């Protein structure tokens, strides 16, 4: 599913719930939500959506790698990377616990 399909699904789900949300409004709300999540994580804070999951920045240690063209060893510097951890109910919906 790409962003356009997600916007369509949001507008449809909102209509099912009796809300009047057109595709343009759904796109603007989704874009604003993503911007807030990105800005918050970039500033070093964590965003937690109960039941869905959390977004945060994690430190990645420096490590040794290889140049794929030459095979030469090189040092890859430490950096911060965005990370997502799925919440319990999200995990259970994707992979229901077996009885």
C-alpha atoms as a PDB file:
ATOM      1  CA  UNK A   1       0.000   0.000   0.000  1.00  0.00           C
ATOM      2  CA  UNK A   2       1.406   3.388  -0.952  1.00  0.00           C
ATOM      3  CA  UNK A   3       0.499   6.791   0.483  1.00  0.00           C
ATOM      4  CA  UNK A   4      -2.285   7.430  -2.053  1.00  0.00           C
ATOM      5  CA  UNK A   5      -3.906   4.102  -1.269  1.00  0.00           C
ATOM      6  CA  UNK A   6      -3.566   4.807   2.460  1.00  0.00           C
ATOM      7  CA  UNK A   7      -5.282   8.189   2.030  1.00  0.00           C
ATOM      8  CA  UNK A   8      -8.136   6.473   0.147  1.00  0.00           C
ATOM      9  CA  UNK A   9      -8.465   3.871   2.929  1.00  0.00           C
ATOM     10  CA  UNK A  10      -8.495   6.581   5.630  1.00  0.00           C
ATOM     11  CA  UNK A  11     -11.242   8.527   3.829  1.00  0.00           C
ATOM     12  CA  UNK A  12     -13.274   5.325   3.375  1.00  0.00           C
ATOM     13  CA  UNK A  13     -12.835   4.233   7.024  1.00  0.00           C
ATOM     14  CA  UNK A  14     -13.826   7.723   8.224  1.00  0.00           C
ATOM     15  CA  UNK A  15     -16.965   7.577   6.071  1.00  0.00           C
ATOM     16  CA  UNK A  16     -17.831   4.186   7.588  1.00  0.00           C
ATOM     17  CA  UNK A  17     -17.640   5.827  11.013  1.00  0.00           C
ATOM     18  CA  UNK A  18     -20.011   8.588   9.909  1.00  0.00           C
ATOM     19  CA  UNK A  19     -17.339  11.263   9.505  1.00  0.00           C
ATOM     20  CA  UNK A  20     -17.234  13.576   6.527  1.00  0.00           C
ATOM     21  CA  UNK A  21     -13.576  13.384   5.483  1.00  0.00           C
ATOM     22  CA  UNK A  22     -12.640  13.794   1.837  1.00  0.00           C
ATOM     23  CA  UNK A  23      -9.394  12.523   0.306  1.00  0.00           C
ATOM     24  CA  UNK A  24      -7.759  15.962   0.376  1.00  0.00           C
ATOM     25  CA  UNK A  25      -8.418  16.358   4.112  1.00  0.00           C
ATOM     26  CA  UNK A  26      -7.265  12.790   4.815  1.00  0.00           C
ATOM     27  CA  UNK A  27      -4.029  13.487   2.887  1.00  0.00           C
ATOM     28  CA  UNK A  28      -3.409  16.727   4.797  1.00  0.00           C
ATOM     29  CA  UNK A  29      -4.023  15.053   8.169  1.00  0.00           C
ATOM     30  CA  UNK A  30      -1.793  12.078   7.293  1.00  0.00           C
ATOM     31  CA  UNK A  31       0.980  14.390   6.051  1.00  0.00           C
ATOM     32  CA  UNK A  32       0.761  16.530   9.190  1.00  0.00           C
ATOM     33  CA  UNK A  33       0.862  13.424  11.398  1.00  0.00           C
ATOM     34  CA  UNK A  34       3.955  12.077   9.649  1.00  0.00           C
ATOM     35  CA  UNK A  35       5.676  15.482   9.856  1.00  0.00           C
ATOM     36  CA  UNK A  36       5.042  15.669  13.613  1.00  0.00           C
ATOM     37  CA  UNK A  37       6.386  12.131  14.133  1.00  0.00           C
ATOM     38  CA  UNK A  38       9.507  12.847  12.044  1.00  0.00           C
ATOM     39  CA  UNK A  39      10.180  16.206  13.746  1.00  0.00           C
ATOM     40  CA  UNK A  40       9.690  14.719  17.224  1.00  0.00           C
ATOM     41  CA  UNK A  41      11.977  11.718  16.613  1.00  0.00           C
ATOM     42  CA  UNK A  42      14.576  13.954  14.930  1.00  0.00           C
ATOM     43  CA  UNK A  43      14.641  16.140  18.059  1.00  0.00           C
ATOM     44  CA  UNK A  44      15.482  13.080  20.176  1.00  0.00           C
ATOM     45  CA  UNK A  45      12.059  12.420  21.669  1.00  0.00           C
ATOM     46  CA  UNK A  46      10.032   9.208  21.459  1.00  0.00           C
ATOM     47  CA  UNK A  47       6.519   9.018  19.985  1.00  0.00           C
ATOM     48  CA  UNK A  48       4.318   6.295  21.490  1.00  0.00           C
ATOM     49  CA  UNK A  49       0.923   5.389  20.051  1.00  0.00           C
ATOM     50  CA  UNK A  50      -0.586   2.913  22.522  1.00  0.00           C
ATOM     51  CA  UNK A  51      -1.550  -0.326  20.806  1.00  0.00           C
ATOM     52  CA  UNK A  52       0.204   0.652  17.562  1.00  0.00           C
ATOM     53  CA  UNK A  53       3.842   1.137  18.509  1.00  0.00           C
ATOM     54  CA  UNK A  54       6.587   3.640  19.131  1.00  0.00           C
ATOM     55  CA  UNK A  55       8.992   5.613  17.019  1.00  0.00           C
ATOM     56  CA  UNK A  56      12.398   6.653  18.352  1.00  0.00           C
ATOM     57  CA  UNK A  57      15.954   7.472  17.362  1.00  0.00           C
ATOM     58  CA  UNK A  58      18.518   4.784  18.214  1.00  0.00           C
ATOM     59  CA  UNK A  59      22.280   5.030  18.314  1.00  0.00           C
ATOM     60  CA  UNK A  60      24.157   2.807  15.880  1.00  0.00           C
ATOM     61  CA  UNK A  61      27.739   2.120  16.926  1.00  0.00           C
ATOM     62  CA  UNK A  62      30.702   2.675  14.648  1.00  0.00           C
ATOM     63  CA  UNK A  63      31.671  -0.501  12.839  1.00  0.00           C
ATOM     64  CA  UNK A  64      33.986  -1.876  10.239  1.00  0.00           C
ATOM     65  CA  UNK A  65      32.620  -2.431   6.755  1.00  0.00           C
ATOM     66  CA  UNK A  66      33.905  -3.118   3.275  1.00  0.00           C
ATOM     67  CA  UNK A  67      33.768  -1.036   0.125  1.00  0.00           C
ATOM     68  CA  UNK A  68      31.595  -3.170  -2.198  1.00  0.00           C
ATOM     69  CA  UNK A  69      33.577  -2.121  -5.286  1.00  0.00           C
ATOM     70  CA  UNK A  70      37.096  -2.694  -4.004  1.00  0.00           C
ATOM     71  CA  UNK A  71      36.589  -4.982  -1.007  1.00  0.00           C
ATOM     72  CA  UNK A  72      38.759  -2.545   0.975  1.00  0.00           C
ATOM     73  CA  UNK A  73      38.054  -2.288   4.714  1.00  0.00           C
ATOM     74  CA  UNK A  74      36.596   0.992   5.902  1.00  0.00           C
ATOM     75  CA  UNK A  75      35.285   2.454   9.127  1.00  0.00           C
ATOM     76  CA  UNK A  76      31.551   3.230   9.179  1.00  0.00           C
ATOM     77  CA  UNK A  77      30.973   6.056  11.692  1.00  0.00           C
ATOM     78  CA  UNK A  78      28.462   5.970  14.550  1.00  0.00           C
ATOM     79  CA  UNK A  79      25.105   7.519  13.739  1.00  0.00           C
ATOM     80  CA  UNK A  80      21.496   7.802  14.857  1.00  0.00           C
ATOM     81  CA  UNK A  81      18.818   5.885  12.964  1.00  0.00           C
ATOM     82  CA  UNK A  82      15.017   6.015  13.169  1.00  0.00           C
ATOM     83  CA  UNK A  83      13.408   2.888  14.648  1.00  0.00           C
ATOM     84  CA  UNK A  84       9.889   1.553  15.069  1.00  0.00           C
ATOM     85  CA  UNK A  85       8.750  -0.987  17.650  1.00  0.00           C
ATOM     86  CA  UNK A  86       5.308  -2.502  17.118  1.00  0.00           C
ATOM     87  CA  UNK A  87       2.904  -2.459  20.063  1.00  0.00           C
ATOM     88  CA  UNK A  88       1.430  -5.594  21.618  1.00  0.00           C
ATOM     89  CA  UNK A  89      -1.992  -5.444  19.920  1.00  0.00           C
ATOM     90  CA  UNK A  90      -0.369  -4.678  16.529  1.00  0.00           C
ATOM     91  CA  UNK A  91       1.935  -7.700  16.899  1.00  0.00           C
ATOM     92  CA  UNK A  92      -0.973  -9.916  17.947  1.00  0.00           C
ATOM     93  CA  UNK A  93      -3.077  -8.852  14.968  1.00  0.00           C
ATOM     94  CA  UNK A  94      -0.227  -9.584  12.532  1.00  0.00           C
ATOM     95  CA  UNK A  95       0.671 -12.880  14.195  1.00  0.00           C
ATOM     96  CA  UNK A  96      -2.095 -14.132  16.497  1.00  0.00           C
ATOM     97  CA  UNK A  97      -0.843 -16.242  19.420  1.00  0.00           C
ATOM     98  CA  UNK A  98      -1.289 -19.935  18.718  1.00  0.00           C
ATOM     99  CA  UNK A  99      -3.356 -21.918  21.177  1.00  0.00           C
END
